PDB file of N, CA and C in Angstrom:
ATOM      1  N   UNK A   1     127.289  69.111 124.016  1.00  0.00           N
ATOM      2  CA  UNK A   1     126.950  68.822 125.671  1.00  0.00           C
ATOM      3  C   UNK A   1     127.740  68.115 126.112  1.00  0.00           C
ATOM      4  N   UNK A   2     128.113  68.264 127.260  1.00  0.00           N
ATOM      5  CA  UNK A   2     128.822  67.414 127.715  1.00  0.00           C
ATOM      6  C   UNK A   2     128.345  66.586 129.286  1.00  0.00           C
ATOM      7  N   UNK A   3     128.314  65.503 128.999  1.00  0.00           N
ATOM      8  CA  UNK A   3     127.485  64.776 129.901  1.00  0.00           C
ATOM      9  C   UNK A   3     128.526  63.849 130.958  1.00  0.00           C
ATOM     10  N   UNK A   4     128.126  63.904 132.081  1.00  0.00           N
ATOM     11  CA  UNK A   4     129.364  63.053 132.962  1.00  0.00           C
ATOM     12  C   UNK A   4     128.615  62.290 133.722  1.00  0.00           C
ATOM     13  N   UNK A   5     129.178  61.084 133.971  1.00  0.00           N
ATOM     14  CA  UNK A   5     128.457  59.981 134.906  1.00  0.00           C
ATOM     15  C   UNK A   5     129.786  60.459 136.264  1.00  0.00           C
ATOM     16  N   UNK A   6     129.304  61.452 137.029  1.00  0.00           N
ATOM     17  CA  UNK A   6     130.021  61.764 138.107  1.00  0.00           C
ATOM     18  C   UNK A   6     129.368  62.915 138.923  1.00  0.00           C
ATOM     19  N   UNK A   7     129.245  62.670 140.144  1.00  0.00           N
ATOM     20  CA  UNK A   7     128.557  63.683 141.192  1.00  0.00           C
ATOM     21  C   UNK A   7     129.404  64.421 142.212  1.00  0.00           C
ATOM     22  N   UNK A   8     130.571  64.233 141.688  1.00  0.00           N
ATOM     23  CA  UNK A   8     131.655  65.093 142.819  1.00  0.00           C
ATOM     24  C   UNK A   8     131.975  66.371 141.916  1.00  0.00           C
ATOM     25  N   UNK A   9     133.280  66.717 143.062  1.00  0.00           N
ATOM     26  CA  UNK A   9     134.060  68.090 142.486  1.00  0.00           C
ATOM     27  C   UNK A   9     134.866  67.877 142.025  1.00  0.00           C
ATOM     28  N   UNK A  10     135.569  69.121 140.908  1.00  0.00           N
ATOM     29  CA  UNK A  10     136.491  69.205 139.901  1.00  0.00           C
ATOM     30  C   UNK A  10     137.472  68.616 140.903  1.00  0.00           C
ATOM     31  N   UNK A  11     137.639  69.287 142.093  1.00  0.00           N
ATOM     32  CA  UNK A  11     138.762  68.602 143.271  1.00  0.00           C
ATOM     33  C   UNK A  11     138.858  67.299 143.304  1.00  0.00           C
ATOM     34  N   UNK A  12     138.250  66.782 143.610  1.00  0.00           N
ATOM     35  CA  UNK A  12     138.127  65.023 143.683  1.00  0.00           C
ATOM     36  C   UNK A  12     138.040  64.392 142.603  1.00  0.00           C
ATOM     37  N   UNK A  13     137.647  64.922 141.336  1.00  0.00           N
ATOM     38  CA  UNK A  13     137.806  64.067 140.006  1.00  0.00           C
ATOM     39  C   UNK A  13     139.039  63.598 139.765  1.00  0.00           C
ATOM     40  N   UNK A  14     138.864  62.356 139.068  1.00  0.00           N
ATOM     41  CA  UNK A  14     139.894  61.863 138.379  1.00  0.00           C
ATOM     42  C   UNK A  14     140.866  62.674 137.655  1.00  0.00           C
ATOM     43  N   UNK A  15     142.298  62.705 137.463  1.00  0.00           N
ATOM     44  CA  UNK A  15     142.581  63.985 136.549  1.00  0.00           C
ATOM     45  C   UNK A  15     142.927  63.452 135.463  1.00  0.00           C
ATOM     46  N   UNK A  16     142.762  62.009 135.506  1.00  0.00           N
ATOM     47  CA  UNK A  16     142.890  61.529 133.943  1.00  0.00           C
ATOM     48  C   UNK A  16     141.049  60.980 133.411  1.00  0.00           C
ATOM     49  N   UNK A  17     140.414  61.276 132.431  1.00  0.00           N
ATOM     50  CA  UNK A  17     139.541  61.213 132.293  1.00  0.00           C
ATOM     51  C   UNK A  17     139.257  60.345 130.720  1.00  0.00           C
ATOM     52  N   UNK A  18     138.259  59.620 130.799  1.00  0.00           N
ATOM     53  CA  UNK A  18     138.267  59.004 128.986  1.00  0.00           C
ATOM     54  C   UNK A  18     136.939  60.481 128.422  1.00  0.00           C
ATOM     55  N   UNK A  19     136.951  60.679 127.055  1.00  0.00           N
ATOM     56  CA  UNK A  19     136.994  61.381 126.012  1.00  0.00           C
ATOM     57  C   UNK A  19     135.947  60.600 125.024  1.00  0.00           C
ATOM     58  N   UNK A  20     134.442  60.643 125.096  1.00  0.00           N
ATOM     59  CA  UNK A  20     133.864  59.388 124.324  1.00  0.00           C
ATOM     60  C   UNK A  20     132.411  60.414 123.794  1.00  0.00           C
ATOM     61  N   UNK A  21     131.960  59.948 122.403  1.00  0.00           N
ATOM     62  CA  UNK A  21     130.605  60.192 122.079  1.00  0.00           C
ATOM     63  C   UNK A  21     129.816  59.527 123.127  1.00  0.00           C
ATOM     64  N   UNK A  22     128.629  60.607 123.967  1.00  0.00           N
ATOM     65  CA  UNK A  22     127.902  59.677 124.555  1.00  0.00           C
ATOM     66  C   UNK A  22     126.824  58.536 123.559  1.00  0.00           C
ATOM     67  N   UNK A  23     126.829  57.428 124.082  1.00  0.00           N
ATOM     68  CA  UNK A  23     125.786  56.250 123.336  1.00  0.00           C
ATOM     69  C   UNK A  23     124.582  55.613 124.309  1.00  0.00           C
ATOM     70  N   UNK A  24     123.206  56.069 123.988  1.00  0.00           N
ATOM     71  CA  UNK A  24     122.615  55.983 125.284  1.00  0.00           C
ATOM     72  C   UNK A  24     121.706  54.399 125.078  1.00  0.00           C
ATOM     73  N   UNK A  25     122.571  53.298 124.194  1.00  0.00           N
ATOM     74  CA  UNK A  25     121.995  52.676 123.915  1.00  0.00           C
ATOM     75  C   UNK A  25     121.765  51.425 125.181  1.00  0.00           C
ATOM     76  N   UNK A  26     122.642  51.672 126.196  1.00  0.00           N
ATOM     77  CA  UNK A  26     122.143  50.522 127.400  1.00  0.00           C
ATOM     78  C   UNK A  26     121.287  51.883 128.192  1.00  0.00           C
ATOM     79  N   UNK A  27     121.067  52.785 128.006  1.00  0.00           N
ATOM     80  CA  UNK A  27     119.768  53.542 128.934  1.00  0.00           C
ATOM     81  C   UNK A  27     118.613  52.911 128.020  1.00  0.00           C
ATOM     82  N   UNK A  28     118.794  52.490 126.584  1.00  0.00           N
ATOM     83  CA  UNK A  28     117.444  52.452 126.226  1.00  0.00           C
ATOM     84  C   UNK A  28     117.317  51.252 126.651  1.00  0.00           C
ATOM     85  N   UNK A  29     118.458  49.886 126.382  1.00  0.00           N
ATOM     86  CA  UNK A  29     118.113  48.449 126.225  1.00  0.00           C
ATOM     87  C   UNK A  29     118.155  48.297 128.174  1.00  0.00           C
ATOM     88  N   UNK A  30     118.357  49.142 129.025  1.00  0.00           N
ATOM     89  CA  UNK A  30     118.073  48.795 130.233  1.00  0.00           C
ATOM     90  C   UNK A  30     116.996  50.027 131.081  1.00  0.00           C
ATOM     91  N   UNK A  31     116.044  50.400 130.486  1.00  0.00           N
ATOM     92  CA  UNK A  31     115.560  51.499 130.990  1.00  0.00           C
ATOM     93  C   UNK A  31     114.951  51.336 132.283  1.00  0.00           C
ATOM     94  N   UNK A  32     114.491  49.994 132.777  1.00  0.00           N
ATOM     95  CA  UNK A  32     114.312  50.209 134.435  1.00  0.00           C
ATOM     96  C   UNK A  32     115.463  50.053 134.976  1.00  0.00           C
ATOM     97  N   UNK A  33     116.216  50.043 135.026  1.00  0.00           N
ATOM     98  CA  UNK A  33     117.559  50.357 135.463  1.00  0.00           C
ATOM     99  C   UNK A  33     117.712  50.956 135.882  1.00  0.00           C
ATOM    100  N   UNK A  34     117.692  51.784 134.454  1.00  0.00           N
ATOM    101  CA  UNK A  34     118.294  53.242 134.429  1.00  0.00           C
ATOM    102  C   UNK A  34     117.582  54.042 135.060  1.00  0.00           C
ATOM    103  N   UNK A  35     116.070  53.440 135.215  1.00  0.00           N
ATOM    104  CA  UNK A  35     115.169  54.817 136.060  1.00  0.00           C
ATOM    105  C   UNK A  35     114.662  54.180 137.505  1.00  0.00           C
ATOM    106  N   UNK A  36     115.964  53.118 137.805  1.00  0.00           N
ATOM    107  CA  UNK A  36     116.233  53.093 139.724  1.00  0.00           C
ATOM    108  C   UNK A  36     116.224  53.602 140.737  1.00  0.00           C
ATOM    109  N   UNK A  37     117.399  54.818 140.298  1.00  0.00           N
ATOM    110  CA  UNK A  37     117.899  55.664 140.998  1.00  0.00           C
ATOM    111  C   UNK A  37     117.202  56.736 141.280  1.00  0.00           C
ATOM    112  N   UNK A  38     117.561  57.411 142.228  1.00  0.00           N
ATOM    113  CA  UNK A  38     116.897  59.207 142.257  1.00  0.00           C
ATOM    114  C   UNK A  38     117.754  60.164 141.240  1.00  0.00           C
ATOM    115  N   UNK A  39     117.075  61.496 141.502  1.00  0.00           N
ATOM    116  CA  UNK A  39     118.013  62.172 140.918  1.00  0.00           C
ATOM    117  C   UNK A  39     119.471  62.412 141.557  1.00  0.00           C
ATOM    118  N   UNK A  40     120.943  62.818 140.940  1.00  0.00           N
ATOM    119  CA  UNK A  40     121.856  63.329 142.004  1.00  0.00           C
ATOM    120  C   UNK A  40     121.478  64.551 142.224  1.00  0.00           C
ATOM    121  N   UNK A  41     122.443  65.444 143.037  1.00  0.00           N
ATOM    122  CA  UNK A  41     122.419  66.645 143.496  1.00  0.00           C
ATOM    123  C   UNK A  41     121.944  67.393 142.000  1.00  0.00           C
ATOM    124  N   UNK A  42     122.789  67.654 141.490  1.00  0.00           N
ATOM    125  CA  UNK A  42     123.510  68.125 140.272  1.00  0.00           C
ATOM    126  C   UNK A  42     122.353  67.947 139.045  1.00  0.00           C
ATOM    127  N   UNK A  43     121.790  66.590 139.396  1.00  0.00           N
ATOM    128  CA  UNK A  43     120.908  66.378 138.106  1.00  0.00           C
ATOM    129  C   UNK A  43     119.542  67.121 138.399  1.00  0.00           C
ATOM    130  N   UNK A  44     119.394  67.223 139.303  1.00  0.00           N
ATOM    131  CA  UNK A  44     117.877  68.150 140.238  1.00  0.00           C
ATOM    132  C   UNK A  44     117.925  69.310 139.317  1.00  0.00           C
ATOM    133  N   UNK A  45     119.055  70.019 139.500  1.00  0.00           N
ATOM    134  CA  UNK A  45     118.970  71.147 139.017  1.00  0.00           C
ATOM    135  C   UNK A  45     119.061  71.397 137.744  1.00  0.00           C
ATOM    136  N   UNK A  46     118.833  70.715 136.375  1.00  0.00           N
ATOM    137  CA  UNK A  46     118.483  70.265 135.267  1.00  0.00           C
ATOM    138  C   UNK A  46     117.198  69.635 134.958  1.00  0.00           C
ATOM    139  N   UNK A  47     116.864  68.628 135.836  1.00  0.00           N
ATOM    140  CA  UNK A  47     115.686  68.288 135.702  1.00  0.00           C
ATOM    141  C   UNK A  47     114.725  67.674 136.047  1.00  0.00           C
ATOM    142  N   UNK A  48     113.064  67.935 136.490  1.00  0.00           N
ATOM    143  CA  UNK A  48     112.171  67.915 137.503  1.00  0.00           C
ATOM    144  C   UNK A  48     111.894  66.453 138.010  1.00  0.00           C
ATOM    145  N   UNK A  49     112.707  65.146 137.044  1.00  0.00           N
ATOM    146  CA  UNK A  49     112.192  64.067 137.536  1.00  0.00           C
ATOM    147  C   UNK A  49     113.292  63.212 136.537  1.00  0.00           C
ATOM    148  N   UNK A  50     113.658  61.965 136.757  1.00  0.00           N
ATOM    149  CA  UNK A  50     114.376  60.819 136.049  1.00  0.00           C
ATOM    150  C   UNK A  50     113.682  60.644 134.928  1.00  0.00           C
ATOM    151  N   UNK A  51     112.219  60.555 134.924  1.00  0.00           N
ATOM    152  CA  UNK A  51     111.929  60.078 133.348  1.00  0.00           C
ATOM    153  C   UNK A  51     111.942  61.343 132.431  1.00  0.00           C
ATOM    154  N   UNK A  52     112.463  63.052 132.892  1.00  0.00           N
ATOM    155  CA  UNK A  52     112.460  63.800 132.121  1.00  0.00           C
ATOM    156  C   UNK A  52     113.664  63.848 131.585  1.00  0.00           C
ATOM    157  N   UNK A  53     114.881  63.691 132.410  1.00  0.00           N
ATOM    158  CA  UNK A  53     116.704  63.061 132.237  1.00  0.00           C
ATOM    159  C   UNK A  53     116.425  62.391 131.153  1.00  0.00           C
ATOM    160  N   UNK A  54     116.120  61.158 131.439  1.00  0.00           N
ATOM    161  CA  UNK A  54     115.571  59.770 131.002  1.00  0.00           C
ATOM    162  C   UNK A  54     115.429  60.331 128.912  1.00  0.00           C
ATOM    163  N   UNK A  55     114.573  60.822 129.043  1.00  0.00           N
ATOM    164  CA  UNK A  55     114.025  61.273 127.582  1.00  0.00           C
ATOM    165  C   UNK A  55     114.825  62.218 127.360  1.00  0.00           C
ATOM    166  N   UNK A  56     115.708  63.136 127.789  1.00  0.00           N
ATOM    167  CA  UNK A  56     116.674  64.102 127.354  1.00  0.00           C
ATOM    168  C   UNK A  56     117.501  63.243 126.754  1.00  0.00           C
ATOM    169  N   UNK A  57     118.197  62.292 127.938  1.00  0.00           N
ATOM    170  CA  UNK A  57     119.515  61.807 127.340  1.00  0.00           C
ATOM    171  C   UNK A  57     119.333  60.735 126.192  1.00  0.00           C
ATOM    172  N   UNK A  58     118.496  60.052 126.193  1.00  0.00           N
ATOM    173  CA  UNK A  58     118.198  58.740 124.880  1.00  0.00           C
ATOM    174  C   UNK A  58     117.607  59.522 123.887  1.00  0.00           C
ATOM    175  N   UNK A  59     117.959  60.890 123.798  1.00  0.00           N
ATOM    176  CA  UNK A  59     117.428  61.901 122.041  1.00  0.00           C
ATOM    177  C   UNK A  59     118.237  62.248 121.996  1.00  0.00           C
ATOM    178  N   UNK A  60     119.731  62.496 122.874  1.00  0.00           N
ATOM    179  CA  UNK A  60     120.720  63.607 122.678  1.00  0.00           C
ATOM    180  C   UNK A  60     121.963  63.083 121.727  1.00  0.00           C
ATOM    181  N   UNK A  61     121.672  61.760 121.142  1.00  0.00           N
ATOM    182  CA  UNK A  61     123.029  61.268 120.052  1.00  0.00           C
ATOM    183  C   UNK A  61     122.649  60.941 119.018  1.00  0.00           C
ATOM    184  N   UNK A  62     123.460  61.217 117.909  1.00  0.00           N
ATOM    185  CA  UNK A  62     123.268  61.693 116.441  1.00  0.00           C
ATOM    186  C   UNK A  62     124.023  60.209 116.370  1.00  0.00           C
ATOM    187  N   UNK A  63     123.372  59.194 115.527  1.00  0.00           N
ATOM    188  CA  UNK A  63     124.437  58.118 115.425  1.00  0.00           C
ATOM    189  C   UNK A  63     125.120  58.313 113.991  1.00  0.00           C
ATOM    190  N   UNK A  64     124.913  59.281 113.271  1.00  0.00           N
ATOM    191  CA  UNK A  64     125.853  59.320 111.804  1.00  0.00           C
ATOM    192  C   UNK A  64     126.942  59.733 112.278  1.00  0.00           C
ATOM    193  N   UNK A  65     127.734  59.416 113.018  1.00  0.00           N
ATOM    194  CA  UNK A  65     128.878  60.062 113.496  1.00  0.00           C
ATOM    195  C   UNK A  65     129.474  59.419 114.524  1.00  0.00           C
ATOM    196  N   UNK A  66     130.673  58.967 114.507  1.00  0.00           N
ATOM    197  CA  UNK A  66     131.608  58.150 115.653  1.00  0.00           C
ATOM    198  C   UNK A  66     133.118  58.597 115.742  1.00  0.00           C
ATOM    199  N   UNK A  67     133.366  58.118 117.139  1.00  0.00           N
ATOM    200  CA  UNK A  67     134.715  58.609 117.505  1.00  0.00           C
ATOM    201  C   UNK A  67     135.124  57.760 118.747  1.00  0.00           C
ATOM    202  N   UNK A  68     136.523  57.237 118.057  1.00  0.00           N
ATOM    203  CA  UNK A  68     137.153  56.398 119.092  1.00  0.00           C
ATOM    204  C   UNK A  68     137.596  57.052 120.368  1.00  0.00           C
ATOM    205  N   UNK A  69     136.851  56.483 121.358  1.00  0.00           N
ATOM    206  CA  UNK A  69     137.439  57.467 123.236  1.00  0.00           C
ATOM    207  C   UNK A  69     138.800  57.110 123.355  1.00  0.00           C
ATOM    208  N   UNK A  70     139.145  58.162 123.623  1.00  0.00           N
ATOM    209  CA  UNK A  70     140.702  58.174 124.681  1.00  0.00           C
ATOM    210  C   UNK A  70     140.975  58.851 125.771  1.00  0.00           C
ATOM    211  N   UNK A  71     141.660  58.532 126.748  1.00  0.00           N
ATOM    212  CA  UNK A  71     142.087  59.457 127.950  1.00  0.00           C
ATOM    213  C   UNK A  71     142.621  60.278 127.814  1.00  0.00           C
ATOM    214  N   UNK A  72     142.260  61.490 128.530  1.00  0.00           N
ATOM    215  CA  UNK A  72     143.276  62.799 128.691  1.00  0.00           C
ATOM    216  C   UNK A  72     143.281  63.108 130.495  1.00  0.00           C
ATOM    217  N   UNK A  73     144.567  63.841 130.132  1.00  0.00           N
ATOM    218  CA  UNK A  73     144.896  63.553 131.712  1.00  0.00           C
ATOM    219  C   UNK A  73     144.895  65.345 131.706  1.00  0.00           C
ATOM    220  N   UNK A  74     143.714  65.500 132.950  1.00  0.00           N
ATOM    221  CA  UNK A  74     143.175  67.179 132.779  1.00  0.00           C
ATOM    222  C   UNK A  74     144.157  68.180 133.544  1.00  0.00           C
ATOM    223  N   UNK A  75     145.442  67.522 133.702  1.00  0.00           N
ATOM    224  CA  UNK A  75     146.561  67.907 134.182  1.00  0.00           C
ATOM    225  C   UNK A  75     147.505  69.182 133.332  1.00  0.00           C
ATOM    226  N   UNK A  76     147.434  68.311 132.184  1.00  0.00           N
ATOM    227  CA  UNK A  76     148.060  68.190 131.377  1.00  0.00           C
ATOM    228  C   UNK A  76     148.088  68.954 130.421  1.00  0.00           C
ATOM    229  N   UNK A  77     146.109  69.338 130.138  1.00  0.00           N
ATOM    230  CA  UNK A  77     145.789  69.738 128.549  1.00  0.00           C
ATOM    231  C   UNK A  77     144.714  71.235 129.078  1.00  0.00           C
ATOM    232  N   UNK A  78     144.835  72.216 128.751  1.00  0.00           N
ATOM    233  CA  UNK A  78     143.780  72.853 129.178  1.00  0.00           C
ATOM    234  C   UNK A  78     143.096  73.444 127.735  1.00  0.00           C
ATOM    235  N   UNK A  79     143.296  72.480 126.874  1.00  0.00           N
ATOM    236  CA  UNK A  79     142.374  72.747 125.734  1.00  0.00           C
ATOM    237  C   UNK A  79     142.423  70.915 125.093  1.00  0.00           C
ATOM    238  N   UNK A  80     140.864  70.241 125.015  1.00  0.00           N
ATOM    239  CA  UNK A  80     140.785  69.092 124.135  1.00  0.00           C
ATOM    240  C   UNK A  80     140.477  69.302 122.557  1.00  0.00           C
ATOM    241  N   UNK A  81     140.785  68.506 121.843  1.00  0.00           N
ATOM    242  CA  UNK A  81     140.449  68.638 120.440  1.00  0.00           C
ATOM    243  C   UNK A  81     140.558  67.021 119.687  1.00  0.00           C
ATOM    244  N   UNK A  82     139.542  67.144 119.458  1.00  0.00           N
ATOM    245  CA  UNK A  82     139.511  65.365 118.611  1.00  0.00           C
ATOM    246  C   UNK A  82     138.799  65.512 117.784  1.00  0.00           C
ATOM    247  N   UNK A  83     139.111  64.954 116.465  1.00  0.00           N
ATOM    248  CA  UNK A  83     138.333  64.807 115.266  1.00  0.00           C
ATOM    249  C   UNK A  83     136.979  63.666 115.465  1.00  0.00           C
ATOM    250  N   UNK A  84     135.559  63.718 114.960  1.00  0.00           N
ATOM    251  CA  UNK A  84     134.716  62.756 115.045  1.00  0.00           C
ATOM    252  C   UNK A  84     134.626  62.801 113.426  1.00  0.00           C
ATOM    253  N   UNK A  85     134.049  61.455 113.004  1.00  0.00           N
ATOM    254  CA  UNK A  85     134.253  61.051 111.879  1.00  0.00           C
ATOM    255  C   UNK A  85     132.717  60.342 111.515  1.00  0.00           C
ATOM    256  N   UNK A  86     132.225  60.583 110.190  1.00  0.00           N
ATOM    257  CA  UNK A  86     130.850  60.791 109.729  1.00  0.00           C
ATOM    258  C   UNK A  86     130.699  59.219 109.364  1.00  0.00           C
ATOM    259  N   UNK A  87     129.923  58.309 109.741  1.00  0.00           N
ATOM    260  CA  UNK A  87     130.077  57.202 109.423  1.00  0.00           C
ATOM    261  C   UNK A  87     129.705  56.694 108.047  1.00  0.00           C
TER     262      UNK A  87
END
């Protein structure tokens, strides 16, 4: 699953992005703050409410695996390959 913290178009996105495994720790520790804003336009196409989105996001991380985040220049690569380690 790919999650992005971005509500723009591909054309307006930065060409360098960071690839990482999703870590819901911040969401879990800061639920009130995470629930404070309305669903963004693209989020409304997936979830009916912020609560539904929150529940989905906080349940979608398998902590048995780790991965060192790294930047990728999307204009330089058409395929991104990375290795995930089992803890």
